[in-house]
Amino acid sequence: MRLPFGGSLARRRIRRALQPDVRARLAALKVRARQRAREDRHPTTGLLSLARFASVDLETTGPNMHEDRIISIGGVAVSGRALLHADAFEVVVRQDRESAVDNILIHQIGGQEQRGGVEPVAALLAFLEYLDGSIAVAFRAEFDATVLKRELHECLGIRVRVRFLDLAAILPALYPDTPNDTLDDWAQHFNLPPIGRHHAIADAYAGGQLLLHAIEQAQRLGLVTAGDLLELQRAQRWLGRRR
């Protein structure tokens, strides 16, 4: 029989096994989150033109979001109606065993590079510090959100609610008369330059460029805050209109 508090006990055991400096950095993230709450600086209340978003992409060992591991993470910040190239994040996560050949052909991260990557605890902690409470943005974000939540539980023993904005949900709502379905479709729609698909940082940059178009259109339609975009996303999912 699986006890209802089993997950909590497992996370506690994982946290106790972490190095002291890792626990200290996790505690600092929690303190900053509480400070934002006290000062009413919640990410969802920020104006669209000023809020910091983090366009992110995770490359994994396979397509199963409930089992496969993160191989690489890419991120780039969007704020002030600009893609912030100086505020980017990229890491290859160390694997004990390299992924299958078919998987390597997709993301082009070979076995040697996988085995020489950053240790998972360090990589995930650095990524959380990079996000620092910002709204994460991805295309078909359910995959990234599910994988990240599981890895944070298994590697850091924490349950963090990272808010994700799904471009696949909000773009069709903002541009309802377009037939676009994939990330490449939308990139072509906005005449964006060709992207190196299935490279985490390249997909993150592509998502960031799409987000800029989404923000501009949202403002034309009267949306004001980051929370307005999240509400639009919820409405689209309730209506089942994500492409």
Protein backbone atom coordinates (compact mmCIF):
# COMPACT_ATOMS: atom_id res chain seq x y z
CA MET A 1 0.00 0.00 0.00
CA ARG A 2 1.35 3.41 -0.96
CA LEU A 3 0.96 5.89 1.90
CA PRO A 4 -0.27 9.38 0.99
CA PHE A 5 2.76 11.00 2.63
CA GLY A 6 5.29 8.73 0.94
CA GLY A 7 6.30 11.37 -1.58
CA SER A 8 6.96 13.89 1.18
CA LEU A 9 9.17 11.44 3.08
CA ALA A 10 11.09 10.57 -0.08
CA ARG A 11 11.75 14.25 -0.82
CA ARG A 12 12.94 14.78 2.74
CA ARG A 13 15.41 11.91 2.47
CA ILE A 14 16.75 13.30 -0.81
CA ARG A 15 17.18 16.80 0.66
CA ARG A 16 19.03 15.44 3.68
CA ALA A 17 21.53 13.74 1.35
CA LEU A 18 22.32 16.99 -0.49
CA GLN A 19 25.55 18.86 0.15
CA PRO A 20 25.25 21.77 2.64
CA ASP A 21 25.95 24.39 -0.03
CA VAL A 22 23.15 22.98 -2.20
CA ARG A 23 20.69 23.11 0.71
CA ALA A 24 21.78 26.69 1.42
CA ARG A 25 21.15 27.75 -2.18
CA LEU A 26 17.73 26.11 -2.16
CA ALA A 27 16.92 27.95 1.06
CA ALA A 28 17.99 31.24 -0.54
CA LEU A 29 15.60 30.62 -3.44
CA LYS A 30 12.77 30.06 -0.97
CA VAL A 31 13.63 33.28 0.88
CA ARG A 32 13.58 35.29 -2.36
CA ALA A 33 10.20 33.80 -3.27
CA ARG A 34 8.78 34.83 0.11
CA GLN A 35 10.21 38.33 -0.30
CA ARG A 36 8.51 38.70 -3.67
CA ALA A 37 5.23 37.60 -2.12
CA ARG A 38 5.54 40.09 0.76
CA GLU A 39 6.42 42.92 -1.61
CA ASP A 40 3.62 41.99 -4.04
CA ARG A 41 6.15 41.39 -6.80
CA HIS A 42 4.48 38.26 -8.11
CA PRO A 43 5.51 37.45 -11.72
CA THR A 44 1.88 37.36 -12.85
CA THR A 45 1.23 40.96 -11.77
CA GLY A 46 4.00 42.46 -13.87
CA LEU A 47 3.18 44.49 -16.95
CA LEU A 48 3.72 42.57 -20.17
CA SER A 49 6.15 45.24 -21.35
CA LEU A 50 8.28 44.93 -18.19
CA ALA A 51 7.87 41.37 -16.89
CA ARG A 52 10.77 38.93 -17.18
CA PHE A 53 9.90 35.70 -18.95
CA ALA A 54 12.30 32.81 -19.50
CA SER A 55 11.85 31.01 -22.81
CA VAL A 56 13.11 27.48 -22.14
CA ASP A 57 13.55 24.12 -23.82
CA LEU A 58 14.52 20.72 -22.44
CA GLU A 59 16.09 18.00 -24.55
CA THR A 60 15.58 14.53 -23.09
CA THR A 61 16.68 10.93 -23.53
CA GLY A 62 13.38 10.12 -25.22
CA PRO A 63 9.74 11.17 -25.74
CA ASN A 64 8.32 9.75 -22.50
CA MET A 65 7.84 12.69 -20.15
CA HIS A 66 7.18 10.34 -17.21
CA GLU A 67 10.42 8.35 -17.51
CA ASP A 68 13.06 9.95 -19.73
CA ARG A 69 15.82 12.15 -18.35
CA ILE A 70 16.91 15.68 -19.15
CA ILE A 71 19.98 15.80 -21.38
CA SER A 72 20.22 19.55 -21.93
CA ILE A 73 18.50 22.76 -20.89
CA GLY A 74 18.42 26.02 -22.80
CA GLY A 75 16.92 29.33 -21.75
CA VAL A 76 16.84 32.97 -22.80
CA ALA A 77 15.14 35.85 -21.01
CA VAL A 78 12.54 38.11 -22.60
CA SER A 79 11.84 41.49 -21.02
CA GLY A 80 11.22 45.06 -22.09
CA ARG A 81 10.04 43.89 -25.52
CA ALA A 82 13.47 42.40 -26.22
CA LEU A 83 15.27 39.08 -26.31
CA LEU A 84 18.09 39.40 -23.78
CA HIS A 85 21.04 37.57 -25.31
CA ALA A 86 23.19 38.38 -22.28
CA ASP A 87 20.62 36.72 -20.01
CA ALA A 88 20.73 33.19 -21.39
CA PHE A 89 21.26 29.73 -19.91
CA GLU A 90 22.63 26.53 -21.39
CA VAL A 91 23.79 23.29 -19.81
CA VAL A 92 24.34 19.66 -20.77
CA VAL A 93 23.31 17.34 -17.94
CA ARG A 94 25.58 14.40 -17.16
CA GLN A 95 24.21 10.95 -17.96
CA ASP A 96 25.44 7.74 -16.33
CA ARG A 97 24.61 5.97 -19.58
CA GLU A 98 24.37 7.59 -22.98
CA SER A 99 21.00 7.69 -24.70
CA ALA A 100 20.06 5.57 -27.70
CA VAL A 101 21.59 6.28 -31.11
CA ASP A 102 18.23 7.40 -32.54
CA ASN A 103 17.94 9.91 -29.71
CA ILE A 104 21.48 11.21 -30.26
CA LEU A 105 20.70 11.77 -33.94
CA ILE A 106 17.87 14.11 -32.89
CA HIS A 107 19.69 16.43 -30.50
CA GLN A 108 23.27 15.81 -31.65
CA ILE A 109 24.64 15.43 -28.10
CA GLY A 110 26.94 12.42 -28.31
CA GLY A 111 27.76 9.89 -25.64
CA GLN A 112 31.05 11.49 -24.62
CA GLU A 113 29.42 14.90 -24.22
CA GLN A 114 26.56 13.35 -22.23
CA ARG A 115 28.91 11.57 -19.84
CA GLY A 116 30.98 14.74 -19.44
CA GLY A 117 28.03 17.00 -18.63
CA VAL A 118 27.21 18.84 -15.43
CA GLU A 119 26.06 16.71 -12.51
CA PRO A 120 22.20 16.74 -12.40
CA VAL A 121 21.87 18.34 -8.96
CA ALA A 122 24.16 21.22 -9.96
CA ALA A 123 22.50 21.66 -13.36
CA LEU A 124 18.94 21.74 -11.99
CA LEU A 125 19.86 24.07 -9.14
CA ALA A 126 21.57 26.47 -11.53
CA PHE A 127 18.47 26.41 -13.74
CA LEU A 128 16.18 27.22 -10.80
CA GLU A 129 18.44 30.13 -9.90
CA TYR A 130 18.30 31.30 -13.50
CA LEU A 131 14.48 31.20 -13.49
CA ASP A 132 14.35 32.88 -10.07
CA GLY A 133 10.56 32.92 -10.04
CA SER A 134 10.09 34.08 -13.64
CA ILE A 135 7.36 32.57 -15.79
CA ALA A 136 8.84 29.86 -18.01
CA VAL A 137 7.72 29.81 -21.65
CA ALA A 138 7.81 26.79 -23.94
CA PHE A 139 6.07 25.31 -26.96
CA ARG A 140 3.86 22.41 -25.86
CA ALA A 141 4.93 23.19 -22.33
CA GLU A 142 3.22 20.22 -20.69
CA PHE A 143 6.18 18.04 -21.66
CA ASP A 144 8.82 20.40 -20.25
CA ALA A 145 6.80 21.10 -17.09
CA THR A 146 6.20 17.41 -16.35
CA VAL A 147 9.81 16.37 -16.91
CA LEU A 148 11.16 19.28 -14.86
CA LYS A 149 8.80 18.62 -11.95
CA ARG A 150 9.83 14.95 -11.82
CA GLU A 151 13.56 15.67 -12.05
CA LEU A 152 13.36 18.31 -9.31
CA HIS A 153 11.65 15.77 -7.08
CA GLU A 154 14.10 12.95 -7.83
CA CYS A 155 17.33 14.97 -7.78
CA LEU A 156 16.69 17.81 -5.32
CA GLY A 157 13.82 16.44 -3.25
CA ILE A 158 11.69 19.52 -3.80
CA ARG A 159 8.27 20.28 -5.17
CA VAL A 160 8.49 23.66 -6.88
CA ARG A 161 5.67 25.17 -8.87
CA VAL A 162 7.30 26.62 -11.96
CA ARG A 163 4.64 28.53 -13.90
CA PHE A 164 4.72 27.67 -17.59
CA LEU A 165 3.19 29.66 -20.42
CA ASP A 166 2.45 27.41 -23.39
CA LEU A 167 2.98 29.08 -26.76
CA ALA A 168 1.02 26.26 -28.39
CA ALA A 169 -2.01 27.42 -26.39
CA ILE A 170 -1.78 31.21 -26.56
CA LEU A 171 -0.63 31.74 -30.16
CA PRO A 172 -3.80 30.20 -31.70
CA ALA A 173 -5.87 32.37 -29.34
CA LEU A 174 -4.03 35.52 -30.33
CA TYR A 175 -4.01 34.64 -34.04
CA PRO A 176 -7.24 32.62 -34.44
CA ASP A 177 -7.37 32.65 -38.23
CA THR A 178 -4.06 30.87 -38.80
CA PRO A 179 -3.65 27.13 -39.47
CA ASN A 180 -0.23 26.85 -37.80
CA ASP A 181 0.42 23.80 -35.65
CA THR A 182 4.13 23.28 -34.98
CA LEU A 183 6.94 25.50 -33.73
CA ASP A 184 8.32 25.54 -37.26
CA ASP A 185 4.91 26.60 -38.63
CA TRP A 186 4.82 29.61 -36.34
CA ALA A 187 8.44 30.50 -37.04
CA GLN A 188 7.66 30.50 -40.76
CA HIS A 189 4.47 32.50 -40.17
CA PHE A 190 6.50 35.32 -38.60
CA ASN A 191 9.34 34.99 -41.13
CA LEU A 192 11.85 34.03 -38.46
CA PRO A 193 15.23 32.73 -39.64
CA PRO A 194 15.68 28.94 -39.78
CA ILE A 195 16.39 27.46 -36.36
CA GLY A 196 18.55 24.53 -35.30
CA ARG A 197 15.68 22.35 -34.14
CA HIS A 198 16.12 20.03 -31.17
CA HIS A 199 19.01 22.04 -29.78
CA ALA A 200 17.80 23.34 -26.43
CA ILE A 201 19.23 26.84 -26.70
CA ALA A 202 18.12 27.23 -30.34
CA ASP A 203 14.56 26.19 -29.51
CA ALA A 204 14.59 28.53 -26.51
CA TYR A 205 15.62 31.44 -28.75
CA ALA A 206 12.90 30.54 -31.25
CA GLY A 207 10.34 30.44 -28.45
CA GLY A 208 11.55 33.81 -27.21
CA GLN A 209 11.06 35.37 -30.64
CA LEU A 210 7.55 33.94 -30.84
CA LEU A 211 6.81 35.28 -27.36
CA LEU A 212 7.74 38.80 -28.49
CA HIS A 213 5.14 38.56 -31.26
CA ALA A 214 2.61 37.13 -28.78
CA ILE A 215 3.17 39.97 -26.31
CA GLU A 216 2.81 42.61 -29.02
CA GLN A 217 -0.45 41.08 -30.24
CA ALA A 218 -1.73 40.62 -26.68
CA GLN A 219 -1.21 44.31 -25.96
CA ARG A 220 -3.10 45.22 -29.13
CA LEU A 221 -6.00 43.15 -27.84
CA GLY A 222 -5.98 44.88 -24.45
CA LEU A 223 -4.08 42.36 -22.32
CA VAL A 224 -1.95 44.15 -19.75
CA THR A 225 -0.18 41.76 -17.37
CA ALA A 226 1.61 38.44 -17.50
CA GLY A 227 -1.32 37.05 -15.54
CA ASP A 228 -3.61 37.99 -18.43
CA LEU A 229 -1.64 35.68 -20.72
CA LEU A 230 -1.89 32.87 -18.18
CA GLU A 231 -5.66 33.42 -17.98
CA LEU A 232 -5.83 33.25 -21.77
CA GLN A 233 -3.94 29.96 -21.63
CA ARG A 234 -6.35 28.55 -19.04
CA ALA A 235 -9.31 29.55 -21.17
CA GLN A 236 -7.83 27.88 -24.25
CA ARG A 237 -7.16 24.66 -22.37
CA TRP A 238 -10.66 24.65 -20.91
CA LEU A 239 -12.05 25.04 -24.40
CA GLY A 240 -9.66 22.40 -25.73
CA ARG A 241 -8.30 24.75 -28.37
CA ARG A 242 -4.58 24.16 -28.09
CA ARG A 243 -3.12 23.03 -31.39
